[in-house]
Amino acid sequence: MRSYKVPIMIEPCEEGGYYAACPSLSGCASQGETYLEVLANIQEAVLGYIESLIAHGDPVPLAPLGEHLVHSAGTI
């Protein structure tokens, strides 16, 4: 599998814990009680999303690692 730079957003939730989303992948989001947990959860969600796109022959709407990406909050 190729490596991709994946922009993610992580925000604290009012009720506690964290919410994470990958704006490049519509509907790809997760939550966790701690920052490290939400980071692991969103990495798993992004990986599953990309694997599903590839399995169905759909294009991956992300920049492959090494290509220019203006903002990146994480790399998967």
C-alpha atoms as a PDB file:
ATOM      1  CA  MET A   1       0.000   0.000   0.000  1.00  0.00           C
ATOM      2  CA  ARG A   2       1.187   3.520  -0.738  1.00  0.00           C
ATOM      3  CA  SER A   3       1.800   6.020   2.042  1.00  0.00           C
ATOM      4  CA  TYR A   4      -0.308   9.171   2.175  1.00  0.00           C
ATOM      5  CA  LYS A   5      -0.157  12.483   4.024  1.00  0.00           C
ATOM      6  CA  VAL A   6      -3.504  12.858   5.716  1.00  0.00           C
ATOM      7  CA  PRO A   7      -4.756  16.183   7.077  1.00  0.00           C
ATOM      8  CA  ILE A   8      -6.771  15.612  10.235  1.00  0.00           C
ATOM      9  CA  MET A   9      -8.560  17.857  12.708  1.00  0.00           C
ATOM     10  CA  ILE A  10      -8.667  17.020  16.419  1.00  0.00           C
ATOM     11  CA  GLU A  11     -10.837  19.031  18.794  1.00  0.00           C
ATOM     12  CA  PRO A  12     -11.697  18.630  22.471  1.00  0.00           C
ATOM     13  CA  CYS A  13     -15.368  17.856  23.166  1.00  0.00           C
ATOM     14  CA  GLU A  14     -17.353  19.904  25.687  1.00  0.00           C
ATOM     15  CA  GLU A  15     -18.461  16.735  27.486  1.00  0.00           C
ATOM     16  CA  GLY A  16     -14.866  15.431  27.643  1.00  0.00           C
ATOM     17  CA  GLY A  17     -12.680  13.453  25.308  1.00  0.00           C
ATOM     18  CA  TYR A  18     -11.767  14.378  21.752  1.00  0.00           C
ATOM     19  CA  TYR A  19     -13.304  14.355  18.272  1.00  0.00           C
ATOM     20  CA  ALA A  20     -11.214  13.797  15.133  1.00  0.00           C
ATOM     21  CA  ALA A  21     -12.067  14.048  11.437  1.00  0.00           C
ATOM     22  CA  CYS A  22     -10.296  13.794   8.108  1.00  0.00           C
ATOM     23  CA  PRO A  23     -11.804  16.541   5.896  1.00  0.00           C
ATOM     24  CA  SER A  24     -10.386  14.929   2.737  1.00  0.00           C
ATOM     25  CA  LEU A  25     -12.425  11.766   3.345  1.00  0.00           C
ATOM     26  CA  SER A  26     -16.116  12.563   3.608  1.00  0.00           C
ATOM     27  CA  GLY A  27     -17.613  11.151   6.795  1.00  0.00           C
ATOM     28  CA  CYS A  28     -14.330   9.799   8.145  1.00  0.00           C
ATOM     29  CA  ALA A  29     -14.360  10.679  11.840  1.00  0.00           C
ATOM     30  CA  SER A  30     -13.750   9.179  15.259  1.00  0.00           C
ATOM     31  CA  GLN A  31     -13.615  10.006  18.958  1.00  0.00           C
ATOM     32  CA  GLY A  32     -11.617   9.014  22.017  1.00  0.00           C
ATOM     33  CA  GLU A  33     -11.276   9.724  25.707  1.00  0.00           C
ATOM     34  CA  THR A  34      -7.664  10.932  25.380  1.00  0.00           C
ATOM     35  CA  TYR A  35      -5.684  12.669  22.647  1.00  0.00           C
ATOM     36  CA  LEU A  36      -3.620   9.529  22.011  1.00  0.00           C
ATOM     37  CA  GLU A  37      -6.751   7.381  21.848  1.00  0.00           C
ATOM     38  CA  VAL A  38      -8.479   9.646  19.331  1.00  0.00           C
ATOM     39  CA  LEU A  39      -5.289   9.800  17.273  1.00  0.00           C
ATOM     40  CA  ALA A  40      -5.098   5.989  17.144  1.00  0.00           C
ATOM     41  CA  ASN A  41      -8.825   5.786  16.355  1.00  0.00           C
ATOM     42  CA  ILE A  42      -8.697   8.277  13.472  1.00  0.00           C
ATOM     43  CA  GLN A  43      -5.622   6.535  12.037  1.00  0.00           C
ATOM     44  CA  GLU A  44      -7.560   3.253  12.051  1.00  0.00           C
ATOM     45  CA  ALA A  45     -10.612   4.928  10.497  1.00  0.00           C
ATOM     46  CA  VAL A  46      -8.548   6.573   7.734  1.00  0.00           C
ATOM     47  CA  LEU A  47      -6.725   3.322   6.969  1.00  0.00           C
ATOM     48  CA  GLY A  48     -10.031   1.428   6.715  1.00  0.00           C
ATOM     49  CA  TYR A  49     -11.507   4.145   4.508  1.00  0.00           C
ATOM     50  CA  ILE A  50      -8.533   4.116   2.129  1.00  0.00           C
ATOM     51  CA  GLU A  51      -8.467   0.300   2.017  1.00  0.00           C
ATOM     52  CA  SER A  52     -12.174   0.303   1.109  1.00  0.00           C
ATOM     53  CA  LEU A  53     -11.643   2.854  -1.668  1.00  0.00           C
ATOM     54  CA  ILE A  54      -8.820   0.787  -3.137  1.00  0.00           C
ATOM     55  CA  ALA A  55     -10.782  -2.483  -2.838  1.00  0.00           C
ATOM     56  CA  HIS A  56     -13.678  -0.931  -4.758  1.00  0.00           C
ATOM     57  CA  GLY A  57     -11.423   0.618  -7.412  1.00  0.00           C
ATOM     58  CA  ASP A  58     -12.245   4.167  -6.344  1.00  0.00           C
ATOM     59  CA  PRO A  59      -9.623   6.952  -6.400  1.00  0.00           C
ATOM     60  CA  VAL A  60      -7.964   7.965  -3.135  1.00  0.00           C
ATOM     61  CA  PRO A  61      -8.464  11.763  -2.749  1.00  0.00           C
ATOM     62  CA  LEU A  62      -5.195  12.344  -0.884  1.00  0.00           C
ATOM     63  CA  ALA A  63      -1.680  13.370  -1.860  1.00  0.00           C
ATOM     64  CA  PRO A  64       0.732  10.378  -1.893  1.00  0.00           C
ATOM     65  CA  LEU A  65       3.656  10.818   0.494  1.00  0.00           C
ATOM     66  CA  GLY A  66       6.287  13.027  -1.082  1.00  0.00           C
ATOM     67  CA  GLU A  67       3.856  15.139  -3.112  1.00  0.00           C
ATOM     68  CA  HIS A  68       3.166  18.707  -2.035  1.00  0.00           C
ATOM     69  CA  LEU A  69       0.504  19.174   0.635  1.00  0.00           C
ATOM     70  CA  VAL A  70       0.033  22.625   2.156  1.00  0.00           C
ATOM     71  CA  HIS A  71      -1.219  21.579   5.621  1.00  0.00           C
ATOM     72  CA  SER A  72      -0.827  18.192   7.274  1.00  0.00           C
ATOM     73  CA  ALA A  73      -1.662  17.402  10.884  1.00  0.00           C
ATOM     74  CA  GLY A  74      -0.653  13.755  10.655  1.00  0.00           C
ATOM     75  CA  THR A  75       0.801  11.094   8.412  1.00  0.00           C
ATOM     76  CA  ILE A  76      -0.613   7.617   8.042  1.00  0.00           C
END
